[in-house]
């Protein structure tokens, strides 16, 4: 059986889920919020991002997450801080 591939929402590179970080879309009141899903257990629409500095920072660009989730969304306030521990720098 083939290993499934996912695409990074920032750079569009295809990778196995083990090589990417998962984002989940959750409803909080009337808002749709993008949250980290490190255990991959939130049952909702998901998106994937490479653990690279450039890709993580592209998440804050307007439209990247909206395109991935096919609707307007807000980032959880601590999302960028959460991913700092997972970032692989290009120069290392």
N, C-alpha and C. Protein backbone atom coordinates (compact mmCIF):
# COMPACT_ATOMS: atom_id res chain seq x y z
N UNK A 1 0.84 -1.19 0.00
CA UNK A 1 0.00 0.00 0.00
C UNK A 1 0.89 1.25 0.00
N UNK A 2 0.57 2.20 -0.84
CA UNK A 2 1.37 3.42 -0.97
C UNK A 2 1.18 4.34 0.22
N UNK A 3 2.25 5.02 0.60
CA UNK A 3 2.18 6.01 1.67
C UNK A 3 1.50 7.25 1.13
N UNK A 4 0.51 7.80 1.84
CA UNK A 4 -0.16 9.01 1.34
C UNK A 4 0.78 10.21 1.36
N UNK A 5 0.59 11.10 0.41
CA UNK A 5 1.37 12.33 0.35
C UNK A 5 0.45 13.51 0.63
N UNK A 6 0.99 14.53 1.26
CA UNK A 6 0.27 15.78 1.52
C UNK A 6 1.10 16.91 0.94
N UNK A 7 0.46 18.03 0.64
CA UNK A 7 1.16 19.20 0.11
C UNK A 7 1.26 20.28 1.16
N UNK A 8 2.42 20.91 1.24
CA UNK A 8 2.60 22.06 2.12
C UNK A 8 1.78 23.22 1.56
N UNK A 9 1.01 23.90 2.42
CA UNK A 9 0.17 25.00 1.95
C UNK A 9 0.99 26.22 1.55
N UNK A 10 2.24 26.30 1.99
CA UNK A 10 3.08 27.45 1.69
C UNK A 10 3.91 27.27 0.42
N UNK A 11 4.61 26.14 0.29
CA UNK A 11 5.50 25.94 -0.86
C UNK A 11 4.98 24.93 -1.87
N UNK A 12 3.91 24.19 -1.51
CA UNK A 12 3.25 23.20 -2.37
C UNK A 12 4.08 21.92 -2.57
N UNK A 13 5.18 21.76 -1.85
CA UNK A 13 5.99 20.55 -1.94
C UNK A 13 5.20 19.37 -1.38
N UNK A 14 5.28 18.22 -2.03
CA UNK A 14 4.60 17.02 -1.56
C UNK A 14 5.52 16.25 -0.64
N UNK A 15 4.94 15.74 0.46
CA UNK A 15 5.71 15.05 1.50
C UNK A 15 4.78 14.08 2.22
N UNK A 16 5.36 13.11 2.90
CA UNK A 16 4.54 12.22 3.73
C UNK A 16 4.08 13.01 4.95
N UNK A 17 2.98 12.64 5.56
CA UNK A 17 2.51 13.37 6.75
C UNK A 17 3.54 13.44 7.88
N UNK A 18 4.40 12.45 7.98
CA UNK A 18 5.42 12.47 9.04
C UNK A 18 6.42 13.61 8.87
N UNK A 19 6.58 14.10 7.65
CA UNK A 19 7.52 15.19 7.40
C UNK A 19 6.90 16.57 7.44
N UNK A 20 5.61 16.65 7.79
CA UNK A 20 4.90 17.93 7.81
C UNK A 20 4.22 18.15 9.16
N UNK A 21 3.84 19.40 9.40
CA UNK A 21 3.08 19.77 10.60
C UNK A 21 1.63 19.99 10.19
N UNK A 22 0.70 19.51 11.02
CA UNK A 22 -0.72 19.62 10.67
C UNK A 22 -1.37 20.81 11.35
N UNK A 23 -2.22 21.48 10.59
CA UNK A 23 -3.05 22.56 11.09
C UNK A 23 -4.50 22.08 11.01
N UNK A 24 -5.30 22.47 11.98
CA UNK A 24 -6.71 22.08 11.97
C UNK A 24 -7.59 23.32 12.06
N UNK A 25 -8.73 23.26 11.44
CA UNK A 25 -9.70 24.34 11.47
C UNK A 25 -10.78 24.01 12.49
N UNK A 26 -10.91 24.85 13.52
CA UNK A 26 -11.90 24.60 14.56
C UNK A 26 -12.80 25.83 14.71
N UNK A 27 -14.03 25.59 15.11
CA UNK A 27 -14.97 26.68 15.31
C UNK A 27 -14.95 27.08 16.78
N UNK A 28 -14.78 28.38 17.01
CA UNK A 28 -14.87 28.94 18.36
C UNK A 28 -15.90 30.05 18.31
N UNK A 29 -17.07 29.72 18.80
CA UNK A 29 -18.18 30.68 18.69
C UNK A 29 -18.53 30.84 17.23
N UNK A 30 -18.48 32.07 16.75
CA UNK A 30 -18.80 32.37 15.35
C UNK A 30 -17.57 32.36 14.46
N UNK A 31 -16.38 32.23 15.04
CA UNK A 31 -15.15 32.32 14.26
C UNK A 31 -14.58 30.95 13.92
N UNK A 32 -13.90 30.89 12.78
CA UNK A 32 -13.15 29.71 12.40
C UNK A 32 -11.67 30.01 12.66
N UNK A 33 -11.04 29.21 13.51
CA UNK A 33 -9.68 29.46 13.95
C UNK A 33 -8.78 28.32 13.48
N UNK A 34 -7.59 28.66 12.98
CA UNK A 34 -6.59 27.67 12.60
C UNK A 34 -5.71 27.42 13.81
N UNK A 35 -5.65 26.15 14.24
CA UNK A 35 -4.89 25.75 15.41
C UNK A 35 -3.87 24.68 15.04
N UNK A 36 -2.79 24.57 15.79
CA UNK A 36 -1.86 23.47 15.56
C UNK A 36 -2.51 22.15 15.98
N UNK A 37 -2.17 21.10 15.31
CA UNK A 37 -2.67 19.77 15.64
C UNK A 37 -1.49 18.79 15.66
N UNK A 38 -0.60 18.94 16.66
CA UNK A 38 0.62 18.13 16.67
C UNK A 38 0.37 16.63 16.80
N UNK A 39 -0.72 16.23 17.42
CA UNK A 39 -1.03 14.81 17.58
C UNK A 39 -1.91 14.26 16.46
N UNK A 40 -2.32 15.15 15.57
CA UNK A 40 -3.14 14.79 14.41
C UNK A 40 -4.43 14.07 14.82
N UNK A 41 -5.08 14.61 15.84
CA UNK A 41 -6.29 13.96 16.34
C UNK A 41 -7.54 14.83 16.28
N UNK A 42 -7.40 16.08 15.92
CA UNK A 42 -8.57 16.95 15.82
C UNK A 42 -9.33 16.55 14.56
N UNK A 43 -10.58 16.18 14.74
CA UNK A 43 -11.36 15.74 13.58
C UNK A 43 -12.04 16.94 12.94
N UNK A 44 -11.31 17.56 12.06
CA UNK A 44 -11.84 18.69 11.29
C UNK A 44 -11.00 18.82 10.03
N UNK A 45 -11.35 19.78 9.22
CA UNK A 45 -10.56 20.02 8.00
C UNK A 45 -9.13 20.34 8.42
N UNK A 46 -8.17 19.76 7.72
CA UNK A 46 -6.77 19.97 8.06
C UNK A 46 -5.98 20.51 6.88
N UNK A 47 -4.83 21.07 7.19
CA UNK A 47 -3.87 21.53 6.19
C UNK A 47 -2.48 21.19 6.74
N UNK A 48 -1.51 21.20 5.86
CA UNK A 48 -0.16 20.76 6.24
C UNK A 48 0.84 21.82 5.85
N UNK A 49 1.92 21.93 6.64
CA UNK A 49 2.98 22.90 6.37
C UNK A 49 4.33 22.26 6.67
N UNK A 50 5.33 22.60 5.85
CA UNK A 50 6.70 22.12 6.08
C UNK A 50 7.25 22.74 7.35
N UNK A 51 8.08 22.02 8.09
CA UNK A 51 8.69 22.59 9.29
C UNK A 51 9.92 23.44 8.94
N UNK A 52 9.79 24.30 7.94
CA UNK A 52 10.89 25.16 7.51
C UNK A 52 10.53 26.61 7.80
N UNK A 53 11.53 27.36 8.12
CA UNK A 53 11.37 28.76 8.49
C UNK A 53 10.53 29.53 7.47
N UNK A 54 10.88 29.41 6.19
CA UNK A 54 10.16 30.15 5.14
C UNK A 54 8.69 29.76 5.08
N UNK A 55 8.42 28.48 5.16
CA UNK A 55 7.03 28.01 5.05
C UNK A 55 6.20 28.45 6.25
N UNK A 56 6.76 28.35 7.44
CA UNK A 56 6.04 28.77 8.65
C UNK A 56 5.71 30.25 8.57
N UNK A 57 6.67 31.06 8.13
CA UNK A 57 6.42 32.50 8.06
C UNK A 57 5.42 32.87 6.96
N UNK A 58 5.33 32.07 5.92
CA UNK A 58 4.35 32.34 4.87
C UNK A 58 2.92 32.17 5.36
N UNK A 59 2.73 31.44 6.46
CA UNK A 59 1.38 31.26 7.01
C UNK A 59 0.74 32.58 7.38
N UNK A 60 1.56 33.58 7.75
CA UNK A 60 1.00 34.86 8.15
C UNK A 60 0.60 35.72 6.94
N UNK A 61 0.99 35.31 5.73
CA UNK A 61 0.60 36.04 4.52
C UNK A 61 -0.89 35.88 4.29
N UNK A 62 -1.53 36.96 4.01
CA UNK A 62 -2.97 36.92 3.76
C UNK A 62 -3.26 36.03 2.56
N UNK A 63 -4.18 35.14 2.71
CA UNK A 63 -4.60 34.29 1.61
C UNK A 63 -4.06 32.88 1.64
N UNK A 64 -2.92 32.63 2.28
CA UNK A 64 -2.34 31.28 2.29
C UNK A 64 -3.28 30.30 3.01
N UNK A 65 -3.70 30.65 4.21
CA UNK A 65 -4.58 29.76 4.96
C UNK A 65 -6.01 29.78 4.41
N UNK A 66 -6.45 30.93 3.93
CA UNK A 66 -7.79 31.01 3.34
C UNK A 66 -7.89 30.10 2.12
N UNK A 67 -6.84 30.06 1.32
CA UNK A 67 -6.82 29.18 0.14
C UNK A 67 -6.83 27.71 0.58
N UNK A 68 -6.03 27.40 1.60
CA UNK A 68 -5.92 26.01 2.06
C UNK A 68 -7.24 25.50 2.63
N UNK A 69 -7.94 26.37 3.37
CA UNK A 69 -9.19 25.94 4.01
C UNK A 69 -10.43 26.34 3.22
N UNK A 70 -10.22 27.01 2.08
CA UNK A 70 -11.30 27.42 1.17
C UNK A 70 -12.34 28.32 1.81
N UNK A 71 -11.89 29.14 2.77
CA UNK A 71 -12.76 30.11 3.41
C UNK A 71 -11.90 31.05 4.27
N UNK A 72 -12.48 32.17 4.66
CA UNK A 72 -11.74 33.10 5.51
C UNK A 72 -11.59 32.51 6.90
N UNK A 73 -10.37 32.56 7.42
CA UNK A 73 -10.07 31.99 8.74
C UNK A 73 -9.17 32.95 9.50
N UNK A 74 -9.06 32.73 10.79
CA UNK A 74 -8.15 33.48 11.64
C UNK A 74 -7.14 32.52 12.23
N UNK A 75 -5.92 33.00 12.42
CA UNK A 75 -4.90 32.17 13.07
C UNK A 75 -5.04 32.29 14.57
N UNK A 76 -4.88 31.18 15.25
CA UNK A 76 -4.83 31.21 16.71
C UNK A 76 -3.66 32.12 17.09
N UNK A 77 -3.83 33.02 18.08
CA UNK A 77 -2.78 33.98 18.41
C UNK A 77 -1.40 33.36 18.65
N UNK A 78 -1.30 32.21 19.25
CA UNK A 78 -0.01 31.62 19.55
C UNK A 78 0.50 30.64 18.51
N UNK A 79 -0.11 30.61 17.32
CA UNK A 79 0.25 29.62 16.31
C UNK A 79 1.72 29.74 15.88
N UNK A 80 2.17 30.94 15.57
CA UNK A 80 3.55 31.13 15.11
C UNK A 80 4.54 30.78 16.22
N UNK A 81 4.23 31.16 17.44
CA UNK A 81 5.11 30.85 18.57
C UNK A 81 5.18 29.34 18.78
N UNK A 82 4.06 28.66 18.66
CA UNK A 82 4.03 27.21 18.83
C UNK A 82 4.96 26.52 17.83
N UNK A 83 4.94 26.96 16.58
CA UNK A 83 5.73 26.30 15.56
C UNK A 83 7.23 26.61 15.62
N UNK A 84 7.64 27.62 16.37
CA UNK A 84 9.06 27.96 16.44
C UNK A 84 9.91 26.77 16.90
N UNK A 85 9.38 25.93 17.76
CA UNK A 85 10.11 24.77 18.22
C UNK A 85 10.27 23.68 17.17
N UNK A 86 9.50 23.75 16.10
CA UNK A 86 9.55 22.73 15.04
C UNK A 86 10.31 23.18 13.80
N UNK A 87 10.68 24.45 13.76
CA UNK A 87 11.29 25.00 12.54
C UNK A 87 12.66 24.41 12.30
N UNK A 88 12.89 23.99 11.05
CA UNK A 88 14.20 23.55 10.60
C UNK A 88 14.75 24.67 9.74
N UNK A 89 15.82 25.24 10.16
CA UNK A 89 16.42 26.35 9.42
C UNK A 89 17.10 25.83 8.16
N UNK A 90 17.00 26.60 7.10
CA UNK A 90 17.60 26.22 5.82
C UNK A 90 19.12 26.13 5.89
N UNK A 91 19.75 26.93 6.76
CA UNK A 91 21.21 26.96 6.84
C UNK A 91 21.79 25.90 7.77
N UNK A 92 20.95 25.08 8.43
CA UNK A 92 21.49 24.05 9.32
C UNK A 92 21.49 22.68 8.69
